[in-house]
Amino acid sequence: MILVAIMAELLEEYTAAVARAVERLLSSAAPRRILPRRVRFLVLRSLPFASPPPPPMAAAPPPPPPPPPHATVLTS
């Protein structure tokens, strides 16, 4: 059972490393002439452990966090 857990851990790390390598390869400038954009998109989207897609450009920035409670001064 321990050997199975070790193999599962190794396969997970290997899969993550291969996914990062393929993502780098397909995201670089040179292969754009080799693979069409749609194929690259489908491959990158189907990778396990792939990084999430970048946020849309028109998205508003998140609101600032509220001030800590000790910074609020109450006057009566």
Protein backbone atom coordinates (compact mmCIF):
# COMPACT_ATOMS: atom_id res chain seq x y z
CA MET A 1 0.00 0.00 0.00
CA ILE A 2 2.85 2.37 0.80
CA LEU A 3 4.44 1.62 -2.57
CA VAL A 4 1.18 2.51 -4.33
CA ALA A 5 1.05 5.84 -2.48
CA ILE A 6 4.66 6.59 -3.43
CA MET A 7 4.00 5.75 -7.09
CA ALA A 8 0.87 7.92 -7.09
CA GLU A 9 2.86 10.84 -5.68
CA LEU A 10 5.62 10.39 -8.27
CA LEU A 11 3.12 10.17 -11.13
CA GLU A 12 1.37 13.32 -9.91
CA GLU A 13 4.66 15.24 -9.84
CA TYR A 14 5.64 13.85 -13.25
CA THR A 15 2.27 14.83 -14.74
CA ALA A 16 2.60 18.35 -13.35
CA ALA A 17 6.13 18.67 -14.78
CA VAL A 18 5.05 17.41 -18.22
CA ALA A 19 2.04 19.75 -18.20
CA ARG A 20 4.31 22.73 -17.39
CA ALA A 21 6.73 21.74 -20.16
CA VAL A 22 3.97 21.37 -22.77
CA GLU A 23 2.42 24.64 -21.63
CA ARG A 24 5.76 26.42 -22.03
CA LEU A 25 6.37 24.84 -25.41
CA LEU A 26 2.96 25.77 -26.79
CA SER A 27 2.97 29.25 -25.26
CA SER A 28 6.31 30.27 -26.74
CA ALA A 29 6.53 32.33 -29.94
CA ALA A 30 8.16 29.76 -32.27
CA PRO A 31 5.47 27.03 -32.40
CA ARG A 32 2.82 29.54 -33.45
CA ARG A 33 3.84 28.87 -37.04
CA ILE A 34 3.56 25.11 -36.54
CA LEU A 35 0.23 24.70 -34.72
CA PRO A 36 -2.90 26.72 -35.39
CA ARG A 37 -4.19 28.86 -32.53
CA ARG A 38 -7.28 26.71 -32.03
CA VAL A 39 -5.22 23.52 -31.65
CA ARG A 40 -2.88 25.19 -29.16
CA PHE A 41 -5.87 26.47 -27.19
CA LEU A 42 -7.47 23.02 -27.03
CA VAL A 43 -4.24 21.35 -25.95
CA LEU A 44 -3.45 23.96 -23.30
CA ARG A 45 -7.00 23.85 -21.98
CA SER A 46 -6.97 20.07 -21.63
CA LEU A 47 -3.69 19.89 -19.70
CA PRO A 48 -4.00 18.68 -16.11
CA PHE A 49 -2.50 21.05 -13.56
CA ALA A 50 -2.47 23.82 -16.16
CA SER A 51 -2.31 27.35 -14.90
CA PRO A 52 -5.63 29.16 -14.86
CA PRO A 53 -6.41 31.44 -17.80
CA PRO A 54 -5.43 35.07 -17.34
CA PRO A 55 -8.21 37.37 -16.11
CA PRO A 56 -10.01 39.47 -18.73
CA MET A 57 -8.42 42.83 -19.48
CA ALA A 58 -11.61 44.83 -18.80
CA ALA A 59 -12.12 43.43 -15.30
CA ALA A 60 -12.13 45.98 -12.52
CA PRO A 61 -9.50 45.60 -9.80
CA PRO A 62 -10.74 44.13 -6.53
CA PRO A 63 -11.81 46.64 -3.87
CA PRO A 64 -9.24 47.48 -1.19
CA PRO A 65 -9.52 45.53 2.05
CA PRO A 66 -11.35 47.23 4.92
CA PRO A 67 -9.23 48.95 7.55
CA PRO A 68 -8.40 46.95 10.67
CA PRO A 69 -10.82 47.42 13.57
CA HIS A 70 -8.24 49.14 15.77
CA ALA A 71 -7.86 51.92 13.17
CA THR A 72 -11.51 52.96 13.44
CA VAL A 73 -12.08 55.86 15.84
CA LEU A 74 -15.57 56.21 17.27
CA THR A 75 -16.65 59.67 18.42
CA SER A 76 -19.82 60.42 20.34
